[in-house]
C-alpha atoms as a PDB file:
ATOM      1  CA  MET A   1      -0.017  -0.107   0.080  1.00  0.00           C
ATOM      2  CA  ARG A   2       1.170   3.762  -0.968  1.00  0.00           C
ATOM      3  CA  HIS A   3      -0.321   5.549   2.006  1.00  0.00           C
ATOM      4  CA  LYS A   4       1.160   8.717   2.817  1.00  0.00           C
ATOM      5  CA  VAL A   5       4.209   8.277  -0.367  1.00  0.00           C
ATOM      6  CA  ALA A   6       4.041  11.657  -1.925  1.00  0.00           C
ATOM      7  CA  GLY A   7       5.543  12.151  -5.320  1.00  0.00           C
ATOM      8  CA  ARG A   8       5.898  10.148  -8.775  1.00  0.00           C
ATOM      9  CA  LYS A   9       9.207   7.905  -9.250  1.00  0.00           C
ATOM     10  CA  LEU A  10       8.630   8.355 -13.431  1.00  0.00           C
ATOM     11  CA  GLY A  11      11.247   5.093 -13.597  1.00  0.00           C
ATOM     12  CA  ARG A  12      13.937   7.112 -12.684  1.00  0.00           C
ATOM     13  CA  THR A  13      17.022   7.250 -10.143  1.00  0.00           C
ATOM     14  CA  THR A  14      16.940  10.083  -7.823  1.00  0.00           C
ATOM     15  CA  GLY A  15      19.167  12.354  -9.426  1.00  0.00           C
ATOM     16  CA  HIS A  16      18.115  11.421 -12.722  1.00  0.00           C
ATOM     17  CA  ARG A  17      14.565  12.325 -11.469  1.00  0.00           C
ATOM     18  CA  ARG A  18      15.912  15.740  -9.246  1.00  0.00           C
ATOM     19  CA  ALA A  19      17.909  16.855 -12.786  1.00  0.00           C
ATOM     20  CA  LEU A  20      14.681  16.284 -14.778  1.00  0.00           C
ATOM     21  CA  TYR A  21      12.612  18.239 -12.843  1.00  0.00           C
ATOM     22  CA  ARG A  22      15.368  21.285 -12.671  1.00  0.00           C
ATOM     23  CA  ASN A  23      15.723  21.096 -16.392  1.00  0.00           C
ATOM     24  CA  LEU A  24      11.348  21.514 -17.251  1.00  0.00           C
ATOM     25  CA  VAL A  25      11.461  24.051 -14.708  1.00  0.00           C
ATOM     26  CA  THR A  26      14.166  26.070 -16.254  1.00  0.00           C
ATOM     27  CA  ASP A  27      12.443  25.321 -19.499  1.00  0.00           C
ATOM     28  CA  LEU A  28       8.766  26.608 -18.393  1.00  0.00           C
ATOM     29  CA  LEU A  29      10.504  29.826 -16.777  1.00  0.00           C
ATOM     30  CA  LYS A  30      12.664  30.409 -19.729  1.00  0.00           C
ATOM     31  CA  HIS A  31       9.513  29.883 -22.455  1.00  0.00           C
ATOM     32  CA  GLU A  32       6.486  30.317 -20.151  1.00  0.00           C
ATOM     33  CA  LYS A  33       5.219  27.191 -21.979  1.00  0.00           C
ATOM     34  CA  ILE A  34       6.108  23.541 -22.620  1.00  0.00           C
ATOM     35  CA  VAL A  35       4.623  20.217 -24.057  1.00  0.00           C
ATOM     36  CA  THR A  36       5.185  17.049 -21.586  1.00  0.00           C
ATOM     37  CA  THR A  37       3.473  13.913 -19.917  1.00  0.00           C
ATOM     38  CA  GLU A  38       0.773  14.888 -17.927  1.00  0.00           C
ATOM     39  CA  ALA A  39       2.578  12.981 -14.870  1.00  0.00           C
ATOM     40  CA  LYS A  40       5.631  15.317 -15.592  1.00  0.00           C
ATOM     41  CA  ALA A  41       3.400  18.364 -15.791  1.00  0.00           C
ATOM     42  CA  LYS A  42       1.501  17.577 -12.442  1.00  0.00           C
ATOM     43  CA  GLU A  43       5.200  17.017 -10.509  1.00  0.00           C
ATOM     44  CA  VAL A  44       6.824  20.027 -11.990  1.00  0.00           C
ATOM     45  CA  ARG A  45       3.708  22.307 -11.526  1.00  0.00           C
ATOM     46  CA  SER A  46       4.237  22.738  -7.813  1.00  0.00           C
ATOM     47  CA  MET A  47       8.123  23.390  -7.827  1.00  0.00           C
ATOM     48  CA  ALA A  48       7.947  25.862 -10.933  1.00  0.00           C
ATOM     49  CA  GLU A  49       5.215  28.017  -8.771  1.00  0.00           C
ATOM     50  CA  LYS A  50       7.613  27.685  -5.509  1.00  0.00           C
ATOM     51  CA  MET A  51      10.230  29.326  -7.529  1.00  0.00           C
ATOM     52  CA  ILE A  52       8.056  31.979  -8.403  1.00  0.00           C
ATOM     53  CA  THR A  53       6.758  32.681  -4.718  1.00  0.00           C
ATOM     54  CA  LEU A  54      10.567  32.952  -3.772  1.00  0.00           C
ATOM     55  CA  GLY A  55      10.674  35.471  -6.913  1.00  0.00           C
ATOM     56  CA  LYS A  56       8.065  37.414  -4.614  1.00  0.00           C
ATOM     57  CA  LYS A  57      10.011  37.486  -1.879  1.00  0.00           C
ATOM     58  CA  SER A  58      13.182  39.117  -3.368  1.00  0.00           C
ATOM     59  CA  GLY A  59      15.753  38.852  -0.874  1.00  0.00           C
ATOM     60  CA  LEU A  60      19.253  37.722  -1.039  1.00  0.00           C
ATOM     61  CA  HIS A  61      18.369  34.223   0.327  1.00  0.00           C
ATOM     62  CA  SER A  62      15.101  33.801  -1.730  1.00  0.00           C
ATOM     63  CA  TYR A  63      17.389  34.474  -4.898  1.00  0.00           C
ATOM     64  CA  ARG A  64      20.172  32.193  -3.986  1.00  0.00           C
ATOM     65  CA  GLN A  65      17.850  29.485  -2.821  1.00  0.00           C
ATOM     66  CA  ALA A  66      15.946  29.932  -6.231  1.00  0.00           C
ATOM     67  CA  LEU A  67      19.795  29.954  -8.416  1.00  0.00           C
ATOM     68  CA  SER A  68      20.132  26.622  -6.840  1.00  0.00           C
ATOM     69  CA  PHE A  69      17.665  24.872  -8.269  1.00  0.00           C
ATOM     70  CA  ILE A  70      16.979  26.984 -11.560  1.00  0.00           C
ATOM     71  CA  MET A  71      19.647  25.551 -13.990  1.00  0.00           C
ATOM     72  CA  GLU A  72      20.638  29.249 -15.867  1.00  0.00           C
ATOM     73  CA  LYS A  73      21.141  32.532 -14.140  1.00  0.00           C
ATOM     74  CA  LYS A  74      19.352  34.599 -16.376  1.00  0.00           C
ATOM     75  CA  VAL A  75      16.164  32.965 -15.935  1.00  0.00           C
ATOM     76  CA  THR A  76      16.485  33.394 -12.155  1.00  0.00           C
ATOM     77  CA  GLU A  77      17.080  37.113 -13.387  1.00  0.00           C
ATOM     78  CA  LYS A  78      13.697  36.741 -15.409  1.00  0.00           C
ATOM     79  CA  VAL A  79      12.041  35.224 -12.205  1.00  0.00           C
ATOM     80  CA  PHE A  80      12.659  37.981 -10.058  1.00  0.00           C
ATOM     81  CA  ALA A  81      12.563  40.694 -12.221  1.00  0.00           C
ATOM     82  CA  GLU A  82       9.927  40.100 -14.679  1.00  0.00           C
ATOM     83  CA  LEU A  83       7.370  37.187 -13.396  1.00  0.00           C
ATOM     84  CA  ALA A  84       7.296  38.481  -9.434  1.00  0.00           C
ATOM     85  CA  THR A  85       6.084  41.787 -11.058  1.00  0.00           C
ATOM     86  CA  ARG A  86       3.630  40.343 -13.288  1.00  0.00           C
ATOM     87  CA  TYR A  87       2.319  37.885 -10.468  1.00  0.00           C
ATOM     88  CA  LYS A  88       2.494  40.207  -7.425  1.00  0.00           C
ATOM     89  CA  GLU A  89      -0.969  40.593  -7.036  1.00  0.00           C
ATOM     90  CA  ARG A  90      -1.925  37.058  -7.186  1.00  0.00           C
ATOM     91  CA  PRO A  91      -1.479  34.721  -4.237  1.00  0.00           C
ATOM     92  CA  GLY A  92      -0.920  31.678  -6.199  1.00  0.00           C
ATOM     93  CA  GLY A  93      -1.914  29.107  -9.286  1.00  0.00           C
ATOM     94  CA  TYR A  94       0.598  30.915 -11.826  1.00  0.00           C
ATOM     95  CA  THR A  95       0.420  27.707 -13.864  1.00  0.00           C
ATOM     96  CA  ARG A  96      -2.218  25.855 -15.960  1.00  0.00           C
ATOM     97  CA  ILE A  97      -2.288  22.655 -17.242  1.00  0.00           C
ATOM     98  CA  VAL A  98      -3.853  21.673 -20.808  1.00  0.00           C
ATOM     99  CA  LYS A  99      -4.637  18.427 -21.630  1.00  0.00           C
ATOM    100  CA  LEU A 100      -3.364  17.232 -24.939  1.00  0.00           C
ATOM    101  CA  GLU A 101      -3.853  14.352 -27.558  1.00  0.00           C
ATOM    102  CA  PRO A 102      -1.723  11.446 -26.402  1.00  0.00           C
ATOM    103  CA  ARG A 103       1.460  10.919 -28.045  1.00  0.00           C
ATOM    104  CA  LEU A 104       1.998   8.779 -31.011  1.00  0.00           C
ATOM    105  CA  GLY A 105       4.435   6.782 -30.175  1.00  0.00           C
ATOM    106  CA  ASP A 106       3.779   5.030 -27.318  1.00  0.00           C
ATOM    107  CA  GLY A 107       0.301   6.520 -26.363  1.00  0.00           C
ATOM    108  CA  ALA A 108       1.558   8.698 -23.113  1.00  0.00           C
ATOM    109  CA  PRO A 109      -0.763  11.366 -22.193  1.00  0.00           C
ATOM    110  CA  MET A 110       0.727  14.609 -23.028  1.00  0.00           C
ATOM    111  CA  ALA A 111      -0.363  18.134 -21.393  1.00  0.00           C
ATOM    112  CA  GLN A 112       1.152  21.236 -22.124  1.00  0.00           C
ATOM    113  CA  LEU A 113       1.809  23.325 -18.813  1.00  0.00           C
ATOM    114  CA  GLU A 114       1.970  27.391 -19.253  1.00  0.00           C
ATOM    115  CA  LEU A 115       2.290  30.179 -17.056  1.00  0.00           C
ATOM    116  CA  VAL A 116      -1.161  31.956 -16.657  1.00  0.00           C
ATOM    117  CA  GLU A 117      -1.128  35.717 -17.676  1.00  0.00           C
END
């Protein structure tokens, strides 16, 4: 039984899974829209929202925390400069998941993860 076991393993080791999440969050914040599987989108959504919340706090400690997770410094600067001001009045819910057609190769359920306006 899986009572109180959070998160998805996605058939990867811990390090591989963490690197995947970091890359997906970085790409989402950079391009503001990514297409991936539903399971990955659901996992990445909370991490991306935490990064935007850190941007809204706008302190040195928050900046360094975001920099330790986001792979590119320019993306971190974008979070603190552009995205933090965009979502200043919004209390949360910065992302949206839109379900797409299944992937042709293996039929995996696909989704588009995007930042709301």
